[in-house]
C-alpha atoms as a PDB file:
ATOM      1  CA  MET A   1       2.855  -9.312 -25.077  1.00  0.00           C
ATOM      2  CA  ARG A   2      -0.134  -6.946 -25.192  1.00  0.00           C
ATOM      3  CA  LEU A   3       1.168  -4.619 -22.520  1.00  0.00           C
ATOM      4  CA  SER A   4       2.489  -1.091 -22.819  1.00  0.00           C
ATOM      5  CA  LEU A   5       5.225  -0.510 -20.257  1.00  0.00           C
ATOM      6  CA  THR A   6       7.064   2.775 -19.872  1.00  0.00           C
ATOM      7  CA  LYS A   7       8.915   1.513 -16.788  1.00  0.00           C
ATOM      8  CA  PRO A   8       9.291  -1.808 -14.922  1.00  0.00           C
ATOM      9  CA  LEU A   9       6.283  -3.515 -13.338  1.00  0.00           C
ATOM     10  CA  CYS A  10       7.143  -5.467 -10.174  1.00  0.00           C
ATOM     11  CA  PHE A  11       4.875  -8.312  -9.105  1.00  0.00           C
ATOM     12  CA  PHE A  12       5.334  -9.363  -5.496  1.00  0.00           C
ATOM     13  CA  ASP A  13       3.781 -11.592  -2.853  1.00  0.00           C
ATOM     14  CA  LEU A  14       4.153 -11.966   0.908  1.00  0.00           C
ATOM     15  CA  GLU A  15       3.865 -14.881   3.287  1.00  0.00           C
ATOM     16  CA  THR A  16       3.401 -13.783   6.888  1.00  0.00           C
ATOM     17  CA  THR A  17       2.904 -14.988  10.450  1.00  0.00           C
ATOM     18  CA  GLY A  18      -0.772 -13.972  10.230  1.00  0.00           C
ATOM     19  CA  THR A  19      -3.072 -11.308   8.848  1.00  0.00           C
ATOM     20  CA  GLN A  20      -2.988  -8.600  11.546  1.00  0.00           C
ATOM     21  CA  LEU A  21      -1.371  -5.559   9.995  1.00  0.00           C
ATOM     22  CA  THR A  22       0.225  -4.104  13.119  1.00  0.00           C
ATOM     23  CA  LYS A  23       1.127  -7.358  14.909  1.00  0.00           C
ATOM     24  CA  ASP A  24       2.124  -9.984  12.359  1.00  0.00           C
ATOM     25  CA  ARG A  25       5.388 -10.128  10.430  1.00  0.00           C
ATOM     26  CA  ILE A  26       6.733 -11.054   6.992  1.00  0.00           C
ATOM     27  CA  VAL A  27       8.389 -14.480   6.628  1.00  0.00           C
ATOM     28  CA  GLN A  28       8.788 -14.506   2.846  1.00  0.00           C
ATOM     29  CA  LEU A  29       8.838 -11.792   0.193  1.00  0.00           C
ATOM     30  CA  ALA A  30       9.151 -12.741  -3.451  1.00  0.00           C
ATOM     31  CA  ALA A  31       9.227 -10.361  -6.391  1.00  0.00           C
ATOM     32  CA  VAL A  32       9.323 -10.749 -10.172  1.00  0.00           C
ATOM     33  CA  THR A  33       9.993  -7.590 -12.182  1.00  0.00           C
ATOM     34  CA  LEU A  34       8.738  -7.391 -15.737  1.00  0.00           C
ATOM     35  CA  PHE A  35      10.756  -4.927 -17.862  1.00  0.00           C
ATOM     36  CA  PRO A  36       9.579  -2.955 -20.915  1.00  0.00           C
ATOM     37  CA  ASP A  37      11.631  -5.215 -23.197  1.00  0.00           C
ATOM     38  CA  GLY A  38       9.752  -8.289 -21.900  1.00  0.00           C
ATOM     39  CA  SER A  39      12.601  -9.670 -19.774  1.00  0.00           C
ATOM     40  CA  ARG A  40      12.086 -10.717 -16.156  1.00  0.00           C
ATOM     41  CA  GLU A  41      14.165 -10.665 -12.986  1.00  0.00           C
ATOM     42  CA  SER A  42      13.207 -12.277  -9.679  1.00  0.00           C
ATOM     43  CA  ARG A  43      14.186 -12.199  -6.029  1.00  0.00           C
ATOM     44  CA  ASN A  44      13.077 -14.461  -3.177  1.00  0.00           C
ATOM     45  CA  TYR A  45      13.676 -13.654   0.492  1.00  0.00           C
ATOM     46  CA  ILE A  46      12.986 -15.893   3.484  1.00  0.00           C
ATOM     47  CA  VAL A  47      12.920 -13.595   6.518  1.00  0.00           C
ATOM     48  CA  ASN A  48      13.248 -14.193  10.246  1.00  0.00           C
ATOM     49  CA  PRO A  49      10.103 -12.529  11.645  1.00  0.00           C
ATOM     50  CA  GLU A  50      11.540 -12.449  15.183  1.00  0.00           C
ATOM     51  CA  ILE A  51       8.231 -13.770  16.511  1.00  0.00           C
ATOM     52  CA  HIS A  52       6.718 -17.270  16.652  1.00  0.00           C
ATOM     53  CA  ILE A  53       5.049 -18.620  13.509  1.00  0.00           C
ATOM     54  CA  PRO A  54       1.857 -20.440  14.601  1.00  0.00           C
ATOM     55  CA  GLU A  55       1.568 -24.049  13.488  1.00  0.00           C
ATOM     56  CA  GLU A  56      -1.714 -23.370  11.672  1.00  0.00           C
ATOM     57  CA  ILE A  57       0.035 -20.670   9.611  1.00  0.00           C
ATOM     58  CA  THR A  58       2.968 -22.970   8.802  1.00  0.00           C
ATOM     59  CA  ALA A  59       0.398 -25.490   7.570  1.00  0.00           C
ATOM     60  CA  ILE A  60      -0.740 -22.897   5.000  1.00  0.00           C
ATOM     61  CA  HIS A  61       2.543 -21.626   3.557  1.00  0.00           C
ATOM     62  CA  GLY A  62       4.965 -24.339   4.691  1.00  0.00           C
ATOM     63  CA  ILE A  63       7.468 -21.997   6.376  1.00  0.00           C
ATOM     64  CA  SER A  64       8.348 -23.168   9.873  1.00  0.00           C
ATOM     65  CA  ASN A  65      10.163 -21.559  12.800  1.00  0.00           C
ATOM     66  CA  GLU A  66      13.142 -23.847  12.117  1.00  0.00           C
ATOM     67  CA  MET A  67      13.340 -22.636   8.513  1.00  0.00           C
ATOM     68  CA  VAL A  68      13.617 -18.957   9.505  1.00  0.00           C
ATOM     69  CA  GLN A  69      15.837 -19.178  12.595  1.00  0.00           C
ATOM     70  CA  ASP A  70      19.036 -18.476  10.600  1.00  0.00           C
ATOM     71  CA  ALA A  71      17.399 -16.261   7.965  1.00  0.00           C
ATOM     72  CA  PRO A  72      18.149 -12.522   7.850  1.00  0.00           C
ATOM     73  CA  LYS A  73      15.839 -10.104   9.639  1.00  0.00           C
ATOM     74  CA  LEU A  74      13.780  -7.749   7.510  1.00  0.00           C
ATOM     75  CA  ALA A  75      15.878  -4.760   8.618  1.00  0.00           C
ATOM     76  CA  GLU A  76      18.943  -6.499   7.154  1.00  0.00           C
ATOM     77  CA  VAL A  77      17.482  -6.953   3.659  1.00  0.00           C
ATOM     78  CA  ALA A  78      15.012  -4.037   3.447  1.00  0.00           C
ATOM     79  CA  ALA A  79      17.390  -1.702   1.616  1.00  0.00           C
ATOM     80  CA  GLU A  80      18.262  -4.471  -0.874  1.00  0.00           C
ATOM     81  CA  ILE A  81      14.559  -5.121  -1.557  1.00  0.00           C
ATOM     82  CA  ILE A  82      13.857  -1.412  -2.043  1.00  0.00           C
ATOM     83  CA  ALA A  83      16.794  -1.165  -4.452  1.00  0.00           C
ATOM     84  CA  PHE A  84      15.599  -4.210  -6.423  1.00  0.00           C
ATOM     85  CA  MET A  85      12.078  -2.815  -6.834  1.00  0.00           C
ATOM     86  CA  GLY A  86      13.468   0.607  -7.742  1.00  0.00           C
ATOM     87  CA  ASP A  87      10.815   2.953  -9.122  1.00  0.00           C
ATOM     88  CA  ALA A  88       8.740   0.124 -10.600  1.00  0.00           C
ATOM     89  CA  ASP A  89       4.963   0.139 -10.501  1.00  0.00           C
ATOM     90  CA  LEU A  90       3.678  -2.591  -8.173  1.00  0.00           C
ATOM     91  CA  ALA A  91       1.348  -5.485  -8.899  1.00  0.00           C
ATOM     92  CA  GLY A  92       0.076  -8.586  -7.145  1.00  0.00           C
ATOM     93  CA  TYR A  93      -2.932 -10.716  -6.315  1.00  0.00           C
ATOM     94  CA  ASN A  94      -5.048  -9.030  -3.617  1.00  0.00           C
ATOM     95  CA  SER A  95      -2.045  -6.715  -3.251  1.00  0.00           C
ATOM     96  CA  ASN A  96      -3.978  -3.466  -2.834  1.00  0.00           C
ATOM     97  CA  LYS A  97      -5.848  -4.871   0.145  1.00  0.00           C
ATOM     98  CA  PHE A  98      -3.151  -6.995   1.802  1.00  0.00           C
ATOM     99  CA  ASP A  99       0.396  -7.134   0.418  1.00  0.00           C
ATOM    100  CA  ILE A 100       0.985  -3.401  -0.144  1.00  0.00           C
ATOM    101  CA  PRO A 101      -0.387  -2.203   3.238  1.00  0.00           C
ATOM    102  CA  PHE A 102       1.457  -5.043   5.000  1.00  0.00           C
ATOM    103  CA  MET A 103       4.767  -4.324   3.258  1.00  0.00           C
ATOM    104  CA  VAL A 104       4.493  -0.579   3.904  1.00  0.00           C
ATOM    105  CA  GLU A 105       3.803  -1.206   7.598  1.00  0.00           C
ATOM    106  CA  GLU A 106       6.660  -3.683   8.001  1.00  0.00           C
ATOM    107  CA  PHE A 107       9.222  -1.470   6.273  1.00  0.00           C
ATOM    108  CA  TYR A 108       8.153   1.459   8.442  1.00  0.00           C
ATOM    109  CA  ARG A 109       8.567  -0.733  11.515  1.00  0.00           C
ATOM    110  CA  VAL A 110      12.189  -1.620  10.722  1.00  0.00           C
ATOM    111  CA  GLY A 111      13.190   1.951   9.894  1.00  0.00           C
ATOM    112  CA  HIS A 112      13.211   1.663   6.076  1.00  0.00           C
ATOM    113  CA  PRO A 113      10.049   3.434   4.831  1.00  0.00           C
ATOM    114  CA  PHE A 114       9.182   2.018   1.424  1.00  0.00           C
ATOM    115  CA  PRO A 115       9.006   4.834  -1.180  1.00  0.00           C
ATOM    116  CA  MET A 116       5.484   4.790  -2.665  1.00  0.00           C
ATOM    117  CA  GLU A 117       5.330   8.132  -4.455  1.00  0.00           C
ATOM    118  CA  GLY A 118       4.928   8.040  -8.236  1.00  0.00           C
ATOM    119  CA  ARG A 119       3.882   4.391  -8.444  1.00  0.00           C
ATOM    120  CA  ASN A 120       0.812   2.740  -9.925  1.00  0.00           C
ATOM    121  CA  PHE A 121      -0.709  -0.279  -8.178  1.00  0.00           C
ATOM    122  CA  VAL A 122      -2.256  -3.053 -10.249  1.00  0.00           C
ATOM    123  CA  ASP A 123      -4.293  -5.684  -8.407  1.00  0.00           C
ATOM    124  CA  VAL A 124      -4.736  -8.771 -10.584  1.00  0.00           C
ATOM    125  CA  GLN A 125      -7.404 -10.155  -8.225  1.00  0.00           C
ATOM    126  CA  ASN A 126      -9.575  -7.090  -8.713  1.00  0.00           C
ATOM    127  CA  ILE A 127      -9.275  -7.367 -12.494  1.00  0.00           C
ATOM    128  CA  PHE A 128     -10.204 -11.039 -12.225  1.00  0.00           C
ATOM    129  CA  HIS A 129     -13.150 -10.425  -9.888  1.00  0.00           C
ATOM    130  CA  LYS A 130     -14.506  -7.638 -12.063  1.00  0.00           C
ATOM    131  CA  MET A 131     -14.230  -9.871 -15.112  1.00  0.00           C
ATOM    132  CA  GLU A 132     -14.888 -13.420 -13.899  1.00  0.00           C
ATOM    133  CA  GLN A 133     -15.365 -13.647 -10.080  1.00  0.00           C
ATOM    134  CA  ARG A 134     -12.880 -16.434  -9.137  1.00  0.00           C
ATOM    135  CA  THR A 135      -9.926 -17.342  -6.828  1.00  0.00           C
ATOM    136  CA  LEU A 136      -6.221 -17.381  -7.804  1.00  0.00           C
ATOM    137  CA  SER A 137      -6.181 -21.156  -8.331  1.00  0.00           C
ATOM    138  CA  ALA A 138      -9.297 -20.940 -10.499  1.00  0.00           C
ATOM    139  CA  ALA A 139      -7.849 -17.898 -12.267  1.00  0.00           C
ATOM    140  CA  TYR A 140      -4.720 -19.835 -13.218  1.00  0.00           C
ATOM    141  CA  GLN A 141      -6.814 -22.731 -14.519  1.00  0.00           C
ATOM    142  CA  PHE A 142      -9.233 -20.396 -16.301  1.00  0.00           C
ATOM    143  CA  TYR A 143      -6.707 -18.100 -17.978  1.00  0.00           C
ATOM    144  CA  CYS A 144      -3.667 -20.345 -18.379  1.00  0.00           C
ATOM    145  CA  GLY A 145      -5.233 -23.797 -18.507  1.00  0.00           C
ATOM    146  CA  LYS A 146      -2.974 -25.100 -15.732  1.00  0.00           C
ATOM    147  CA  PRO A 147      -3.589 -26.284 -12.149  1.00  0.00           C
ATOM    148  CA  MET A 148      -1.673 -24.666  -9.306  1.00  0.00           C
ATOM    149  CA  GLU A 149       0.769 -27.187  -7.866  1.00  0.00           C
ATOM    150  CA  ASN A 150       2.591 -25.273  -5.127  1.00  0.00           C
ATOM    151  CA  ALA A 151       0.143 -22.697  -3.743  1.00  0.00           C
ATOM    152  CA  HIS A 152       1.238 -20.483  -0.821  1.00  0.00           C
ATOM    153  CA  ASP A 153       4.878 -20.382  -1.791  1.00  0.00           C
ATOM    154  CA  ALA A 154       5.402 -16.665  -2.349  1.00  0.00           C
ATOM    155  CA  LEU A 155       7.663 -16.958  -5.410  1.00  0.00           C
ATOM    156  CA  TYR A 156       5.403 -19.521  -7.101  1.00  0.00           C
ATOM    157  CA  ASP A 157       2.300 -17.445  -6.339  1.00  0.00           C
ATOM    158  CA  THR A 158       4.020 -14.345  -7.730  1.00  0.00           C
ATOM    159  CA  GLU A 159       4.971 -16.060 -10.980  1.00  0.00           C
ATOM    160  CA  VAL A 160       1.441 -17.454 -11.335  1.00  0.00           C
ATOM    161  CA  THR A 161      -0.003 -13.985 -10.735  1.00  0.00           C
ATOM    162  CA  LEU A 162       2.195 -12.484 -13.467  1.00  0.00           C
ATOM    163  CA  ASP A 163       1.150 -15.227 -15.901  1.00  0.00           C
ATOM    164  CA  VAL A 164      -2.539 -14.661 -15.054  1.00  0.00           C
ATOM    165  CA  PHE A 165      -2.107 -10.910 -15.571  1.00  0.00           C
ATOM    166  CA  LEU A 166      -0.572 -11.350 -19.035  1.00  0.00           C
ATOM    167  CA  ALA A 167      -3.327 -13.840 -19.938  1.00  0.00           C
ATOM    168  CA  GLN A 168      -5.967 -11.310 -18.817  1.00  0.00           C
ATOM    169  CA  LEU A 169      -4.503  -8.714 -21.170  1.00  0.00           C
ATOM    170  CA  ALA A 170      -4.520 -11.211 -24.010  1.00  0.00           C
ATOM    171  CA  ARG A 171      -8.147 -12.204 -23.326  1.00  0.00           C
ATOM    172  CA  TYR A 172      -9.803  -8.833 -22.734  1.00  0.00           C
ATOM    173  CA  ASP A 173      -9.410  -6.355 -25.567  1.00  0.00           C
ATOM    174  CA  GLN A 174     -11.282  -3.761 -23.489  1.00  0.00           C
ATOM    175  CA  LEU A 175      -8.436  -3.649 -20.960  1.00  0.00           C
ATOM    176  CA  THR A 176      -6.162  -0.722 -21.785  1.00  0.00           C
ATOM    177  CA  PRO A 177      -2.581  -2.024 -21.700  1.00  0.00           C
ATOM    178  CA  GLU A 178      -1.146   1.108 -20.021  1.00  0.00           C
ATOM    179  CA  ILE A 179      -0.334   0.720 -16.333  1.00  0.00           C
ATOM    180  CA  PRO A 180      -2.102   3.889 -15.021  1.00  0.00           C
ATOM    181  CA  ALA A 181      -5.380   2.745 -16.645  1.00  0.00           C
ATOM    182  CA  LEU A 182      -4.950  -0.793 -15.301  1.00  0.00           C
ATOM    183  CA  ALA A 183      -4.195   0.579 -11.836  1.00  0.00           C
ATOM    184  CA  ALA A 184      -7.378   2.656 -11.915  1.00  0.00           C
ATOM    185  CA  PHE A 185      -9.436  -0.301 -13.167  1.00  0.00           C
ATOM    186  CA  SER A 186      -8.062  -2.685 -10.536  1.00  0.00           C
ATOM    187  CA  SER A 187      -8.449  -0.255  -7.648  1.00  0.00           C
ATOM    188  CA  ASN A 188     -10.887  -1.267  -4.914  1.00  0.00           C
ATOM    189  CA  SER A 189     -10.905   2.128  -3.165  1.00  0.00           C
ATOM    190  CA  PRO A 190     -14.121   4.042  -3.959  1.00  0.00           C
ATOM    191  CA  LEU A 191     -12.884   7.066  -2.030  1.00  0.00           C
ATOM    192  CA  GLY A 192      -9.642   8.935  -2.492  1.00  0.00           C
ATOM    193  CA  ALA A 193      -7.487   6.769  -0.257  1.00  0.00           C
ATOM    194  CA  VAL A 194      -4.850   8.621   1.753  1.00  0.00           C
ATOM    195  CA  ASP A 195      -3.182   5.763   3.648  1.00  0.00           C
ATOM    196  CA  PHE A 196      -2.800   2.181   2.494  1.00  0.00           C
ATOM    197  CA  ALA A 197      -4.811   0.786   5.397  1.00  0.00           C
ATOM    198  CA  GLY A 198      -7.789   2.914   4.345  1.00  0.00           C
ATOM    199  CA  ARG A 199      -8.254   4.637   7.704  1.00  0.00           C
ATOM    200  CA  LEU A 200      -8.032   8.072   6.089  1.00  0.00           C
ATOM    201  CA  ALA A 201      -9.610   9.233   2.828  1.00  0.00           C
ATOM    202  CA  LYS A 202     -10.442  12.357   0.872  1.00  0.00           C
ATOM    203  CA  ASN A 203     -13.997  13.584   0.500  1.00  0.00           C
ATOM    204  CA  GLN A 204     -15.412  15.077  -2.697  1.00  0.00           C
ATOM    205  CA  ALA A 205     -13.996  18.477  -1.732  1.00  0.00           C
ATOM    206  CA  GLY A 206     -10.503  16.991  -1.427  1.00  0.00           C
ATOM    207  CA  GLU A 207     -10.412  17.355   2.370  1.00  0.00           C
ATOM    208  CA  ILE A 208      -8.840  14.547   4.394  1.00  0.00           C
ATOM    209  CA  MET A 209     -11.322  12.799   6.675  1.00  0.00           C
ATOM    210  CA  TYR A 210     -11.524   9.802   8.972  1.00  0.00           C
ATOM    211  CA  ASN A 211     -12.750   6.691   7.180  1.00  0.00           C
ATOM    212  CA  PHE A 212     -13.639   4.534  10.212  1.00  0.00           C
ATOM    213  CA  GLY A 213     -15.153   4.620  13.688  1.00  0.00           C
ATOM    214  CA  LYS A 214     -17.350   7.213  15.356  1.00  0.00           C
ATOM    215  CA  HIS A 215     -15.921  10.098  13.304  1.00  0.00           C
ATOM    216  CA  LYS A 216     -16.161   8.369   9.933  1.00  0.00           C
ATOM    217  CA  GLY A 217     -16.876  10.912   7.215  1.00  0.00           C
ATOM    218  CA  LYS A 218     -15.764  13.881   9.329  1.00  0.00           C
ATOM    219  CA  THR A 219     -12.729  15.898   8.301  1.00  0.00           C
ATOM    220  CA  ILE A 220      -9.588  15.939  10.429  1.00  0.00           C
ATOM    221  CA  GLU A 221     -10.089  19.677  10.899  1.00  0.00           C
ATOM    222  CA  ALA A 222     -13.670  19.235  12.149  1.00  0.00           C
ATOM    223  CA  VAL A 223     -12.687  16.507  14.620  1.00  0.00           C
ATOM    224  CA  MET A 224      -9.832  18.656  15.968  1.00  0.00           C
ATOM    225  CA  LYS A 225     -12.532  21.118  17.059  1.00  0.00           C
ATOM    226  CA  LEU A 226     -15.057  18.510  18.225  1.00  0.00           C
ATOM    227  CA  GLU A 227     -12.659  16.191  20.079  1.00  0.00           C
ATOM    228  CA  PRO A 228      -9.080  17.559  20.257  1.00  0.00           C
ATOM    229  CA  GLY A 229      -7.796  14.429  22.015  1.00  0.00           C
ATOM    230  CA  TYR A 230      -8.846  12.069  19.207  1.00  0.00           C
ATOM    231  CA  TYR A 231      -5.696  12.801  17.202  1.00  0.00           C
ATOM    232  CA  GLY A 232      -3.452  11.978  20.163  1.00  0.00           C
ATOM    233  CA  TRP A 233      -5.427   8.805  20.873  1.00  0.00           C
ATOM    234  CA  MET A 234      -4.817   7.599  17.310  1.00  0.00           C
ATOM    235  CA  LEU A 235      -1.093   8.251  17.540  1.00  0.00           C
ATOM    236  CA  ASP A 236      -0.880   6.199  20.752  1.00  0.00           C
ATOM    237  CA  ALA A 237      -3.226   3.398  19.620  1.00  0.00           C
ATOM    238  CA  ASP A 238      -2.478   0.308  17.544  1.00  0.00           C
ATOM    239  CA  PHE A 239      -2.697   1.858  14.064  1.00  0.00           C
ATOM    240  CA  PRO A 240      -0.244   1.376  11.164  1.00  0.00           C
ATOM    241  CA  PHE A 241       2.865   3.572  11.122  1.00  0.00           C
ATOM    242  CA  GLN A 242       1.998   4.923   7.689  1.00  0.00           C
ATOM    243  CA  THR A 243      -1.530   5.869   8.784  1.00  0.00           C
ATOM    244  CA  LYS A 244      -0.084   7.790  11.723  1.00  0.00           C
ATOM    245  CA  ASP A 245       2.419   9.514   9.432  1.00  0.00           C
ATOM    246  CA  CYS A 246      -0.361  10.649   7.085  1.00  0.00           C
ATOM    247  CA  LEU A 247      -2.467  11.858  10.014  1.00  0.00           C
ATOM    248  CA  ARG A 248       0.480  13.690  11.560  1.00  0.00           C
ATOM    249  CA  ALA A 249       1.253  15.400   8.246  1.00  0.00           C
ATOM    250  CA  GLU A 250      -2.346  16.586   7.818  1.00  0.00           C
ATOM    251  CA  VAL A 251      -2.591  17.917  11.389  1.00  0.00           C
ATOM    252  CA  ASN A 252       0.725  19.753  10.967  1.00  0.00           C
ATOM    253  CA  ARG A 253      -0.539  21.222   7.692  1.00  0.00           C
ATOM    254  CA  LEU A 254      -3.754  22.424   9.340  1.00  0.00           C
ATOM    255  CA  LYS A 255      -1.838  23.943  12.268  1.00  0.00           C
ATOM    256  CA  ALA A 256       0.556  25.729   9.908  1.00  0.00           C
ATOM    257  CA  LEU A 257      -2.374  27.037   7.866  1.00  0.00           C
ATOM    258  CA  LYS A 258      -4.081  28.296  11.015  1.00  0.00           C
ATOM    259  CA  GLU A 259      -0.896  30.010  12.173  1.00  0.00           C
ATOM    260  CA  HIS A 260      -0.400  31.584   8.760  1.00  0.00           C
ATOM    261  CA  THR A 261      -3.996  32.865   8.767  1.00  0.00           C
ATOM    262  CA  LYS A 262      -3.524  34.283  12.250  1.00  0.00           C
ATOM    263  CA  GLU A 263      -0.315  36.052  11.234  1.00  0.00           C
ATOM    264  CA  ALA A 264      -1.970  37.396   8.076  1.00  0.00           C
ATOM    265  CA  GLY A 265      -4.868  38.727  10.147  1.00  0.00           C
ATOM    266  CA  PHE A 266      -2.496  40.377  12.599  1.00  0.00           C
ATOM    267  CA  GLN A 267      -0.576  41.941   9.729  1.00  0.00           C
ATOM    268  CA  ASP A 268      -3.826  43.264   8.242  1.00  0.00           C
ATOM    269  CA  LYS A 269      -4.670  44.929  11.557  1.00  0.00           C
ATOM    270  CA  LEU A 270      -1.209  46.500  11.715  1.00  0.00           C
ATOM    271  CA  ASN A 271      -1.616  47.791   8.181  1.00  0.00           C
ATOM    272  CA  GLN A 272      -5.008  49.270   9.038  1.00  0.00           C
ATOM    273  CA  LEU A 273      -3.622  51.005  12.129  1.00  0.00           C
ATOM    274  CA  SER A 274      -0.641  52.252  10.166  1.00  0.00           C
ATOM    275  CA  SER A 275      -2.938  53.625   7.476  1.00  0.00           C
ATOM    276  CA  LYS A 276      -5.072  55.492  10.030  1.00  0.00           C
ATOM    277  CA  PHE A 277      -1.944  56.928  11.712  1.00  0.00           C
ATOM    278  CA  ASN A 278      -0.527  58.118   8.384  1.00  0.00           C
ATOM    279  CA  LYS A 279      -3.789  59.848   7.507  1.00  0.00           C
ATOM    280  CA  LYS A 280      -3.639  61.827  10.743  1.00  0.00           C
END
């Protein structure tokens, strides 16, 4: 195995009720963890989304409303999933764009924020597209010489993705086998992403700015002066929980900095007055 692991690498895949980040729900989460010694461990969860699964979506992944009616809710298995993934780096196929933002949003929604600090994120699709420009089914055929036989089952897709990833490493000598380098290579975020939905980003100066809409490219601080109500509108609107958390944290930081500057200025004035009084 031409892969240098210093900690586990967890491949995972989601099947959902649809593709809308703030409205749709997880119906299946499957994960396969690859350990530094080469061993693997897997988990597969069918989840009751608590909303209707449209027939056209069932036709894609094969999970029906009848199949999930007695399944646990995400809130009931979230802690177990977090414990299974541990501190592993995360990987998947199109995971940076879909699976990771969707999982983060869903875990926020059920009161179990998924810990993302200190992880690398490897997107096998981005490696594939940068190297060959194909789909997952074609990737499996191209790299592994096998046809996909059970597409859109989360566990099967996850295992296929892991096999494709290992075949990519074997094929491309120019791919550095360390996870941080692979995460950087497979990233599809040209800007310094702040939230997983990509609504906030860092500019070249390291300042957090809006990355969408009429204020795209403007810093949070600048928009607070231009349109003070924009921040409140975002918190009330249909944006991901994690995006709102990141925005809230930045606004609180800016307010604290402003208050600190004000207090420092007031203290300077007191010191100046005290100095003048002492001279007299």
